[in-house]
Amino acid sequence: MLGVTLSAVTALVNRLHRMGLVSRERQEKDRRQVWISITPKGLEVLDNVEERRNLLLALYLARVPDNEREQLLDLLQRAVELFEREDILEEEAQILEEQV
């Protein structure tokens, strides 16, 4: 659905695990299942990345004229509202089911 192969996900999780950013726990009932959890170190890295991303975004948006920045904010708010609508996902799921 996301266009990412299982092997790519496995490689990414392996790398994150080696870096100490996630932990893995095999399930007792089905050893094929592995639960991935973010570690405290991973949360710290995530916080740092988010802070840097916000600073960069503010830096770039400071160069956008006020009226265009307001338009962008309005469009983003409308997009968030659309993403939160579950009926759209239900309609899309029905369309996909009909195609199969």
N, C-alpha and C. Protein backbone atom coordinates (compact mmCIF):
# COMPACT_ATOMS: atom_id res chain seq x y z
N MET A 1 0.81 -1.20 0.00
CA MET A 1 0.00 0.00 0.00
C MET A 1 0.86 1.27 0.00
N LEU A 2 2.00 1.22 0.71
CA LEU A 2 2.89 2.37 0.74
C LEU A 2 3.98 2.29 -0.31
N GLY A 3 4.04 1.17 -1.02
CA GLY A 3 5.06 1.02 -2.04
C GLY A 3 6.44 0.72 -1.48
N VAL A 4 6.50 0.14 -0.28
CA VAL A 4 7.77 -0.20 0.35
C VAL A 4 7.82 -1.71 0.51
N THR A 5 8.92 -2.30 0.11
CA THR A 5 9.03 -3.76 0.20
C THR A 5 9.32 -4.18 1.64
N LEU A 6 8.98 -5.42 1.95
CA LEU A 6 9.24 -5.97 3.27
C LEU A 6 10.73 -5.97 3.57
N SER A 7 11.54 -6.27 2.57
CA SER A 7 12.99 -6.30 2.79
C SER A 7 13.52 -4.90 3.10
N ALA A 8 12.95 -3.87 2.50
CA ALA A 8 13.38 -2.50 2.80
C ALA A 8 13.02 -2.11 4.23
N VAL A 9 11.84 -2.53 4.67
CA VAL A 9 11.43 -2.24 6.05
C VAL A 9 12.33 -2.99 7.03
N THR A 10 12.61 -4.24 6.73
CA THR A 10 13.49 -5.04 7.59
C THR A 10 14.87 -4.41 7.69
N ALA A 11 15.41 -3.97 6.56
CA ALA A 11 16.73 -3.33 6.56
C ALA A 11 16.71 -2.05 7.39
N LEU A 12 15.65 -1.27 7.27
CA LEU A 12 15.54 -0.03 8.04
C LEU A 12 15.46 -0.32 9.54
N VAL A 13 14.63 -1.28 9.91
CA VAL A 13 14.49 -1.63 11.33
C VAL A 13 15.82 -2.17 11.87
N ASN A 14 16.51 -2.98 11.08
CA ASN A 14 17.82 -3.49 11.51
C ASN A 14 18.80 -2.35 11.77
N ARG A 15 18.80 -1.39 10.89
CA ARG A 15 19.70 -0.24 11.05
C ARG A 15 19.34 0.57 12.28
N LEU A 16 18.04 0.84 12.47
CA LEU A 16 17.60 1.58 13.65
C LEU A 16 17.94 0.82 14.93
N HIS A 17 17.83 -0.51 14.89
CA HIS A 17 18.15 -1.34 16.05
C HIS A 17 19.64 -1.26 16.37
N ARG A 18 20.49 -1.36 15.35
CA ARG A 18 21.94 -1.25 15.55
C ARG A 18 22.31 0.10 16.15
N MET A 19 21.56 1.14 15.79
CA MET A 19 21.83 2.48 16.30
C MET A 19 21.25 2.69 17.71
N GLY A 20 20.50 1.71 18.21
CA GLY A 20 19.91 1.82 19.54
C GLY A 20 18.66 2.68 19.59
N LEU A 21 18.05 2.91 18.42
CA LEU A 21 16.88 3.79 18.36
C LEU A 21 15.56 3.04 18.53
N VAL A 22 15.58 1.72 18.26
CA VAL A 22 14.39 0.90 18.47
C VAL A 22 14.82 -0.40 19.14
N SER A 23 13.84 -1.04 19.79
CA SER A 23 14.08 -2.37 20.35
C SER A 23 13.12 -3.34 19.67
N ARG A 24 13.51 -4.60 19.68
CA ARG A 24 12.69 -5.65 19.06
C ARG A 24 12.32 -6.68 20.12
N GLU A 25 11.11 -7.18 20.02
CA GLU A 25 10.66 -8.22 20.95
C GLU A 25 9.87 -9.26 20.17
N ARG A 26 10.38 -10.48 20.15
CA ARG A 26 9.67 -11.57 19.47
C ARG A 26 8.49 -12.00 20.33
N GLN A 27 7.40 -12.34 19.68
CA GLN A 27 6.21 -12.79 20.39
C GLN A 27 6.33 -14.27 20.73
N GLU A 28 5.92 -14.64 21.93
CA GLU A 28 6.03 -16.02 22.39
C GLU A 28 5.14 -16.96 21.59
N LYS A 29 3.90 -16.53 21.30
CA LYS A 29 2.95 -17.40 20.61
C LYS A 29 3.34 -17.65 19.17
N ASP A 30 3.88 -16.63 18.53
CA ASP A 30 4.27 -16.75 17.12
C ASP A 30 5.61 -16.05 16.95
N ARG A 31 6.68 -16.82 16.94
CA ARG A 31 8.04 -16.25 16.90
C ARG A 31 8.31 -15.47 15.62
N ARG A 32 7.45 -15.62 14.62
CA ARG A 32 7.63 -14.85 13.38
C ARG A 32 7.26 -13.38 13.60
N GLN A 33 6.41 -13.12 14.59
CA GLN A 33 5.99 -11.74 14.87
C GLN A 33 7.03 -11.05 15.75
N VAL A 34 7.39 -9.85 15.35
CA VAL A 34 8.36 -9.07 16.11
C VAL A 34 7.74 -7.69 16.36
N TRP A 35 7.68 -7.30 17.62
CA TRP A 35 7.17 -5.98 17.98
C TRP A 35 8.34 -5.01 18.06
N ILE A 36 8.19 -3.88 17.41
CA ILE A 36 9.23 -2.85 17.38
C ILE A 36 8.76 -1.69 18.25
N SER A 37 9.65 -1.23 19.14
CA SER A 37 9.34 -0.09 20.02
C SER A 37 10.47 0.91 19.95
N ILE A 38 10.12 2.17 20.05
CA ILE A 38 11.14 3.21 20.07
C ILE A 38 11.76 3.26 21.46
N THR A 39 13.08 3.45 21.50
CA THR A 39 13.81 3.49 22.77
C THR A 39 13.88 4.95 23.26
N PRO A 40 14.29 5.14 24.51
CA PRO A 40 14.49 6.52 24.99
C PRO A 40 15.46 7.30 24.10
N LYS A 41 16.53 6.64 23.65
CA LYS A 41 17.48 7.30 22.74
C LYS A 41 16.77 7.67 21.43
N GLY A 42 15.91 6.78 20.93
CA GLY A 42 15.16 7.06 19.71
C GLY A 42 14.23 8.25 19.89
N LEU A 43 13.58 8.34 21.05
CA LEU A 43 12.70 9.48 21.33
C LEU A 43 13.49 10.78 21.37
N GLU A 44 14.69 10.71 21.94
CA GLU A 44 15.54 11.91 22.00
C GLU A 44 15.94 12.36 20.59
N VAL A 45 16.34 11.42 19.76
CA VAL A 45 16.69 11.75 18.37
C VAL A 45 15.48 12.32 17.64
N LEU A 46 14.33 11.72 17.85
CA LEU A 46 13.10 12.19 17.22
C LEU A 46 12.78 13.62 17.64
N ASP A 47 12.94 13.93 18.93
CA ASP A 47 12.70 15.28 19.42
C ASP A 47 13.67 16.27 18.77
N ASN A 48 14.95 15.88 18.67
CA ASN A 48 15.95 16.76 18.05
C ASN A 48 15.64 17.01 16.58
N VAL A 49 15.26 15.96 15.87
CA VAL A 49 14.92 16.09 14.45
C VAL A 49 13.71 17.01 14.29
N GLU A 50 12.71 16.83 15.13
CA GLU A 50 11.52 17.65 15.03
C GLU A 50 11.84 19.12 15.31
N GLU A 51 12.69 19.37 16.30
CA GLU A 51 13.08 20.74 16.62
C GLU A 51 13.82 21.38 15.45
N ARG A 52 14.76 20.64 14.86
CA ARG A 52 15.51 21.17 13.71
C ARG A 52 14.59 21.41 12.51
N ARG A 53 13.65 20.48 12.29
CA ARG A 53 12.70 20.63 11.18
C ARG A 53 11.86 21.88 11.37
N ASN A 54 11.40 22.11 12.59
CA ASN A 54 10.60 23.31 12.85
C ASN A 54 11.40 24.59 12.65
N LEU A 55 12.66 24.58 13.05
CA LEU A 55 13.51 25.76 12.86
C LEU A 55 13.74 26.03 11.37
N LEU A 56 14.00 24.97 10.60
CA LEU A 56 14.20 25.14 9.17
C LEU A 56 12.92 25.63 8.49
N LEU A 57 11.80 25.08 8.89
CA LEU A 57 10.52 25.51 8.33
C LEU A 57 10.28 26.99 8.61
N ALA A 58 10.55 27.41 9.83
CA ALA A 58 10.38 28.82 10.18
C ALA A 58 11.32 29.70 9.36
N LEU A 59 12.54 29.23 9.16
CA LEU A 59 13.52 29.98 8.37
C LEU A 59 13.03 30.18 6.94
N TYR A 60 12.54 29.10 6.33
CA TYR A 60 12.06 29.20 4.94
C TYR A 60 10.78 30.02 4.84
N LEU A 61 9.87 29.80 5.76
CA LEU A 61 8.59 30.51 5.70
C LEU A 61 8.74 32.00 5.99
N ALA A 62 9.81 32.38 6.67
CA ALA A 62 10.06 33.80 6.93
C ALA A 62 10.31 34.56 5.63
N ARG A 63 10.68 33.85 4.59
CA ARG A 63 10.95 34.48 3.28
C ARG A 63 9.72 34.54 2.39
N VAL A 64 8.62 33.96 2.86
CA VAL A 64 7.37 33.97 2.09
C VAL A 64 6.55 35.19 2.54
N PRO A 65 6.03 35.96 1.59
CA PRO A 65 5.21 37.12 1.96
C PRO A 65 4.03 36.70 2.87
N ASP A 66 3.64 37.61 3.76
CA ASP A 66 2.60 37.33 4.75
C ASP A 66 1.32 36.78 4.12
N ASN A 67 0.84 37.41 3.04
CA ASN A 67 -0.42 36.96 2.45
C ASN A 67 -0.30 35.55 1.88
N GLU A 68 0.84 35.21 1.29
CA GLU A 68 1.03 33.86 0.76
C GLU A 68 1.18 32.85 1.88
N ARG A 69 1.82 33.26 2.99
CA ARG A 69 1.96 32.37 4.14
C ARG A 69 0.58 32.05 4.72
N GLU A 70 -0.30 33.05 4.77
CA GLU A 70 -1.67 32.83 5.26
C GLU A 70 -2.43 31.89 4.33
N GLN A 71 -2.24 32.05 3.02
CA GLN A 71 -2.88 31.13 2.06
C GLN A 71 -2.39 29.71 2.26
N LEU A 72 -1.08 29.56 2.45
CA LEU A 72 -0.50 28.24 2.67
C LEU A 72 -1.06 27.61 3.94
N LEU A 73 -1.13 28.38 5.01
CA LEU A 73 -1.67 27.87 6.26
C LEU A 73 -3.11 27.42 6.09
N ASP A 74 -3.90 28.21 5.36
CA ASP A 74 -5.30 27.86 5.11
C ASP A 74 -5.40 26.54 4.33
N LEU A 75 -4.58 26.40 3.30
CA LEU A 75 -4.59 25.17 2.51
C LEU A 75 -4.17 23.95 3.35
N LEU A 76 -3.17 24.15 4.18
CA LEU A 76 -2.71 23.04 5.03
C LEU A 76 -3.78 22.65 6.05
N GLN A 77 -4.48 23.64 6.60
CA GLN A 77 -5.56 23.34 7.55
C GLN A 77 -6.68 22.58 6.85
N ARG A 78 -7.00 22.97 5.62
CA ARG A 78 -8.03 22.26 4.86
C ARG A 78 -7.59 20.83 4.55
N ALA A 79 -6.30 20.64 4.25
CA ALA A 79 -5.78 19.31 3.98
C ALA A 79 -5.88 18.44 5.23
N VAL A 80 -5.54 18.98 6.38
CA VAL A 80 -5.64 18.23 7.63
C VAL A 80 -7.08 17.81 7.88
N GLU A 81 -8.02 18.71 7.64
CA GLU A 81 -9.44 18.37 7.81
C GLU A 81 -9.84 17.22 6.89
N LEU A 82 -9.33 17.23 5.67
CA LEU A 82 -9.64 16.14 4.74
C LEU A 82 -9.02 14.82 5.22
N PHE A 83 -7.78 14.87 5.72
CA PHE A 83 -7.11 13.67 6.19
C PHE A 83 -7.83 13.06 7.39
N GLU A 84 -8.50 13.90 8.17
CA GLU A 84 -9.20 13.42 9.36
C GLU A 84 -10.57 12.84 9.05
N ARG A 85 -11.05 13.01 7.84
CA ARG A 85 -12.37 12.49 7.47
C ARG A 85 -12.28 11.01 7.17
N GLU A 86 -12.92 10.21 8.00
CA GLU A 86 -12.90 8.77 7.81
C GLU A 86 -13.77 8.33 6.65
N ASP A 87 -14.79 9.13 6.32
CA ASP A 87 -15.68 8.72 5.22
C ASP A 87 -14.94 8.65 3.90
N ILE A 88 -13.92 9.47 3.71
CA ILE A 88 -13.14 9.44 2.47
C ILE A 88 -12.40 8.11 2.38
N LEU A 89 -11.81 7.68 3.49
CA LEU A 89 -11.09 6.40 3.49
C LEU A 89 -12.05 5.24 3.23
N GLU A 90 -13.24 5.31 3.82
CA GLU A 90 -14.23 4.26 3.61
C GLU A 90 -14.66 4.19 2.15
N GLU A 91 -14.88 5.35 1.54
CA GLU A 91 -15.26 5.40 0.12
C GLU A 91 -14.15 4.82 -0.75
N GLU A 92 -12.91 5.18 -0.44
CA GLU A 92 -11.77 4.69 -1.22
C GLU A 92 -11.62 3.18 -1.07
N ALA A 93 -11.82 2.68 0.14
CA ALA A 93 -11.74 1.23 0.38
C ALA A 93 -12.81 0.50 -0.42
N GLN A 94 -14.00 1.07 -0.49
CA GLN A 94 -15.07 0.45 -1.27
C GLN A 94 -14.72 0.41 -2.75
N ILE A 95 -14.15 1.49 -3.25
CA ILE A 95 -13.75 1.55 -4.66
C ILE A 95 -12.71 0.49 -4.95
N LEU A 96 -11.71 0.36 -4.06
CA LEU A 96 -10.66 -0.63 -4.26
C LEU A 96 -11.22 -2.05 -4.22
N GLU A 97 -12.15 -2.30 -3.31
CA GLU A 97 -12.76 -3.63 -3.22
C GLU A 97 -13.53 -3.96 -4.51
N GLU A 98 -14.20 -2.98 -5.08
CA GLU A 98 -14.95 -3.21 -6.31
C GLU A 98 -14.02 -3.50 -7.48
N GLN A 99 -12.83 -2.96 -7.46
CA GLN A 99 -11.87 -3.17 -8.55
C GLN A 99 -11.25 -4.56 -8.49
N VAL A 100 -11.23 -5.16 -7.32
CA VAL A 100 -10.59 -6.48 -7.16
C VAL A 100 -11.49 -7.57 -7.53
